[in-house]
């Protein structure tokens, strides 16, 4: 429940696209904490899946597209 609350708090403070990318890392953090704190087994499939998730985050953040400029403010209707 805490991750969901933090996700929604992040959306309220940051752009949804940024929070969405960060939320994709949650499974990797969960597996890491499970292994460290609860001695959960980490299999090669889990490591491979975590690697794919991290690669996706890198690809999304460095997709090579330029940032879209903000639209200009509309002219005042009073003029």
N, C-alpha and C. Protein backbone atom coordinates (compact mmCIF):
# COMPACT_ATOMS: atom_id res chain seq x y z
N UNK A 1 0.82 -1.19 0.00
CA UNK A 1 0.00 0.00 0.00
C UNK A 1 0.87 1.26 0.00
N UNK A 2 1.97 1.22 0.72
CA UNK A 2 2.84 2.39 0.79
C UNK A 2 3.37 2.79 -0.60
N UNK A 3 3.82 1.84 -1.44
CA UNK A 3 4.30 2.26 -2.76
C UNK A 3 3.23 2.99 -3.57
N UNK A 4 1.98 2.55 -3.46
CA UNK A 4 0.91 3.22 -4.20
C UNK A 4 0.68 4.64 -3.68
N UNK A 5 0.73 4.80 -2.39
CA UNK A 5 0.57 6.14 -1.83
C UNK A 5 1.71 7.05 -2.27
N UNK A 6 2.93 6.52 -2.26
CA UNK A 6 4.07 7.31 -2.70
C UNK A 6 3.97 7.63 -4.19
N UNK A 7 3.45 6.68 -4.97
CA UNK A 7 3.26 6.92 -6.41
C UNK A 7 2.32 8.10 -6.62
N UNK A 8 1.19 8.10 -5.95
CA UNK A 8 0.22 9.18 -6.13
C UNK A 8 0.75 10.51 -5.59
N UNK A 9 1.53 10.46 -4.54
CA UNK A 9 2.16 11.68 -4.04
C UNK A 9 3.15 12.22 -5.08
N UNK A 10 3.89 11.31 -5.69
CA UNK A 10 4.83 11.72 -6.74
C UNK A 10 4.13 12.32 -7.93
N UNK A 11 2.99 11.76 -8.33
CA UNK A 11 2.23 12.30 -9.46
C UNK A 11 1.75 13.71 -9.14
N UNK A 12 1.39 13.95 -7.91
CA UNK A 12 0.91 15.29 -7.56
C UNK A 12 2.03 16.33 -7.56
N UNK A 13 3.29 15.87 -7.45
CA UNK A 13 4.41 16.81 -7.38
C UNK A 13 5.24 16.87 -8.66
N UNK A 14 5.23 15.80 -9.44
CA UNK A 14 6.07 15.70 -10.64
C UNK A 14 5.22 15.41 -11.86
N UNK A 15 5.85 15.45 -13.01
CA UNK A 15 5.15 15.09 -14.24
C UNK A 15 4.85 13.59 -14.21
N UNK A 16 3.69 13.22 -14.71
CA UNK A 16 3.28 11.82 -14.69
C UNK A 16 4.25 10.94 -15.45
N UNK A 17 4.86 11.46 -16.51
CA UNK A 17 5.81 10.66 -17.29
C UNK A 17 7.02 10.28 -16.44
N UNK A 18 7.49 11.17 -15.62
CA UNK A 18 8.63 10.88 -14.74
C UNK A 18 8.25 9.85 -13.68
N UNK A 19 7.10 10.02 -13.08
CA UNK A 19 6.67 9.11 -12.03
C UNK A 19 6.41 7.72 -12.62
N UNK A 20 5.88 7.68 -13.84
CA UNK A 20 5.64 6.39 -14.49
C UNK A 20 6.91 5.62 -14.71
N UNK A 21 7.97 6.30 -15.11
CA UNK A 21 9.25 5.62 -15.32
C UNK A 21 9.81 5.13 -14.00
N UNK A 22 9.72 5.94 -13.00
CA UNK A 22 10.23 5.52 -11.68
C UNK A 22 9.45 4.33 -11.16
N UNK A 23 8.15 4.28 -11.42
CA UNK A 23 7.34 3.18 -10.90
C UNK A 23 7.70 1.85 -11.57
N UNK A 24 8.32 1.88 -12.74
CA UNK A 24 8.72 0.63 -13.37
C UNK A 24 9.89 -0.03 -12.63
N UNK A 25 10.59 0.73 -11.83
CA UNK A 25 11.72 0.19 -11.07
C UNK A 25 11.25 -0.49 -9.77
N UNK A 26 10.01 -0.28 -9.39
CA UNK A 26 9.50 -0.85 -8.15
C UNK A 26 9.71 -2.37 -8.03
N UNK A 27 9.45 -3.16 -9.08
CA UNK A 27 9.67 -4.61 -8.94
C UNK A 27 11.13 -4.95 -8.63
N UNK A 28 12.06 -4.21 -9.21
CA UNK A 28 13.48 -4.48 -8.96
C UNK A 28 13.80 -4.18 -7.49
N UNK A 29 13.29 -3.09 -6.99
CA UNK A 29 13.52 -2.73 -5.58
C UNK A 29 12.86 -3.77 -4.67
N UNK A 30 11.67 -4.22 -5.04
CA UNK A 30 10.97 -5.21 -4.23
C UNK A 30 11.75 -6.52 -4.14
N UNK A 31 12.26 -6.99 -5.27
CA UNK A 31 13.04 -8.23 -5.28
C UNK A 31 14.32 -8.06 -4.46
N UNK A 32 14.97 -6.92 -4.62
CA UNK A 32 16.21 -6.66 -3.89
C UNK A 32 15.96 -6.66 -2.38
N UNK A 33 14.92 -5.95 -1.96
CA UNK A 33 14.61 -5.91 -0.53
C UNK A 33 14.18 -7.29 -0.01
N UNK A 34 13.43 -8.04 -0.82
CA UNK A 34 13.04 -9.38 -0.42
C UNK A 34 14.24 -10.29 -0.22
N UNK A 35 15.22 -10.15 -1.12
CA UNK A 35 16.42 -10.98 -1.00
C UNK A 35 17.25 -10.57 0.22
N UNK A 36 17.38 -9.28 0.44
CA UNK A 36 18.21 -8.80 1.55
C UNK A 36 17.57 -8.98 2.91
N UNK A 37 16.29 -8.67 3.00
CA UNK A 37 15.63 -8.67 4.30
C UNK A 37 14.94 -9.99 4.65
N UNK A 38 14.47 -10.72 3.64
CA UNK A 38 13.70 -11.93 3.90
C UNK A 38 14.35 -13.19 3.36
N UNK A 39 15.56 -13.07 2.84
CA UNK A 39 16.30 -14.21 2.29
C UNK A 39 15.53 -14.93 1.19
N UNK A 40 14.78 -14.18 0.39
CA UNK A 40 14.07 -14.75 -0.74
C UNK A 40 15.08 -15.18 -1.80
N UNK A 41 14.83 -16.29 -2.50
CA UNK A 41 15.77 -16.72 -3.53
C UNK A 41 15.72 -15.82 -4.76
N UNK A 42 16.86 -15.56 -5.32
CA UNK A 42 16.96 -14.77 -6.55
C UNK A 42 17.48 -15.70 -7.64
N UNK A 43 16.61 -16.07 -8.55
CA UNK A 43 16.94 -17.01 -9.61
C UNK A 43 17.48 -16.27 -10.83
N UNK A 44 18.09 -17.00 -11.76
CA UNK A 44 18.55 -16.35 -13.00
C UNK A 44 17.41 -15.66 -13.76
N UNK A 45 16.21 -16.24 -13.72
CA UNK A 45 15.07 -15.61 -14.40
C UNK A 45 14.73 -14.27 -13.76
N UNK A 46 14.80 -14.20 -12.44
CA UNK A 46 14.52 -12.95 -11.73
C UNK A 46 15.58 -11.90 -12.08
N UNK A 47 16.83 -12.30 -12.12
CA UNK A 47 17.91 -11.37 -12.48
C UNK A 47 17.72 -10.88 -13.91
N UNK A 48 17.39 -11.80 -14.81
CA UNK A 48 17.16 -11.40 -16.20
C UNK A 48 15.99 -10.44 -16.33
N UNK A 49 14.91 -10.72 -15.61
CA UNK A 49 13.75 -9.82 -15.64
C UNK A 49 14.09 -8.45 -15.09
N UNK A 50 14.85 -8.42 -14.01
CA UNK A 50 15.28 -7.13 -13.45
C UNK A 50 16.16 -6.36 -14.41
N UNK A 51 17.03 -7.08 -15.10
CA UNK A 51 17.88 -6.44 -16.11
C UNK A 51 17.05 -5.84 -17.24
N UNK A 52 16.02 -6.57 -17.67
CA UNK A 52 15.14 -6.04 -18.73
C UNK A 52 14.40 -4.79 -18.27
N UNK A 53 13.94 -4.79 -17.02
CA UNK A 53 13.25 -3.61 -16.49
C UNK A 53 14.19 -2.41 -16.46
N UNK A 54 15.40 -2.61 -15.96
CA UNK A 54 16.36 -1.51 -15.90
C UNK A 54 16.74 -1.03 -17.30
N UNK A 55 16.88 -1.96 -18.25
CA UNK A 55 17.18 -1.57 -19.64
C UNK A 55 16.05 -0.74 -20.23
N UNK A 56 14.81 -1.11 -19.90
CA UNK A 56 13.65 -0.35 -20.39
C UNK A 56 13.66 1.07 -19.84
N UNK A 57 14.01 1.21 -18.58
CA UNK A 57 14.06 2.55 -17.98
C UNK A 57 15.12 3.39 -18.68
N UNK A 58 16.27 2.81 -18.94
CA UNK A 58 17.33 3.54 -19.64
C UNK A 58 16.87 3.93 -21.04
N UNK A 59 16.24 3.00 -21.76
CA UNK A 59 15.78 3.30 -23.11
C UNK A 59 14.72 4.40 -23.13
N UNK A 60 13.82 4.36 -22.18
CA UNK A 60 12.77 5.38 -22.12
C UNK A 60 13.36 6.75 -21.82
N UNK A 61 14.35 6.80 -20.96
CA UNK A 61 14.94 8.07 -20.58
C UNK A 61 15.88 8.63 -21.64
N UNK A 62 16.41 7.79 -22.50
CA UNK A 62 17.37 8.24 -23.51
C UNK A 62 16.92 7.83 -24.90
N UNK A 63 15.68 8.13 -25.23
CA UNK A 63 15.15 7.69 -26.52
C UNK A 63 15.59 8.56 -27.69
N UNK A 64 16.34 9.61 -27.43
CA UNK A 64 16.90 10.42 -28.50
C UNK A 64 16.00 11.52 -29.02
N UNK A 65 14.78 11.57 -28.57
CA UNK A 65 13.88 12.63 -29.04
C UNK A 65 14.14 13.91 -28.26
N UNK A 66 13.97 15.00 -28.94
CA UNK A 66 14.09 16.30 -28.27
C UNK A 66 12.83 16.57 -27.46
N UNK A 67 12.97 17.32 -26.42
CA UNK A 67 11.81 17.69 -25.62
C UNK A 67 10.87 18.55 -26.44
N UNK A 68 9.60 18.32 -26.28
CA UNK A 68 8.60 19.10 -27.00
C UNK A 68 8.45 20.43 -26.28
N UNK A 69 8.62 21.55 -27.01
CA UNK A 69 8.48 22.85 -26.35
C UNK A 69 7.03 23.08 -25.94
N UNK A 70 6.88 23.87 -24.90
CA UNK A 70 5.54 24.19 -24.44
C UNK A 70 4.85 25.08 -25.46
N UNK A 71 3.53 24.93 -25.56
CA UNK A 71 2.75 25.74 -26.48
C UNK A 71 2.74 27.18 -25.97
N UNK A 72 2.77 28.15 -26.87
CA UNK A 72 2.72 29.54 -26.42
C UNK A 72 1.38 29.84 -25.77
N UNK A 73 1.41 30.80 -24.88
CA UNK A 73 0.17 31.20 -24.21
C UNK A 73 -0.77 31.82 -25.22
N UNK A 74 -2.07 31.53 -25.10
CA UNK A 74 -3.03 32.12 -26.05
C UNK A 74 -3.11 33.63 -25.85
N UNK A 75 -3.36 34.36 -26.93
CA UNK A 75 -3.46 35.83 -26.80
C UNK A 75 -4.67 36.17 -25.94
N UNK A 76 -4.56 37.30 -25.29
CA UNK A 76 -5.67 37.74 -24.43
C UNK A 76 -6.90 38.02 -25.29
N UNK A 77 -8.04 37.63 -24.79
CA UNK A 77 -9.30 37.82 -25.52
C UNK A 77 -9.74 39.28 -25.48
N UNK A 78 -9.17 40.07 -24.58
CA UNK A 78 -9.59 41.46 -24.42
C UNK A 78 -9.07 42.34 -25.54
N UNK A 79 -8.02 41.96 -26.21
CA UNK A 79 -7.42 42.84 -27.23
C UNK A 79 -8.18 42.82 -28.51
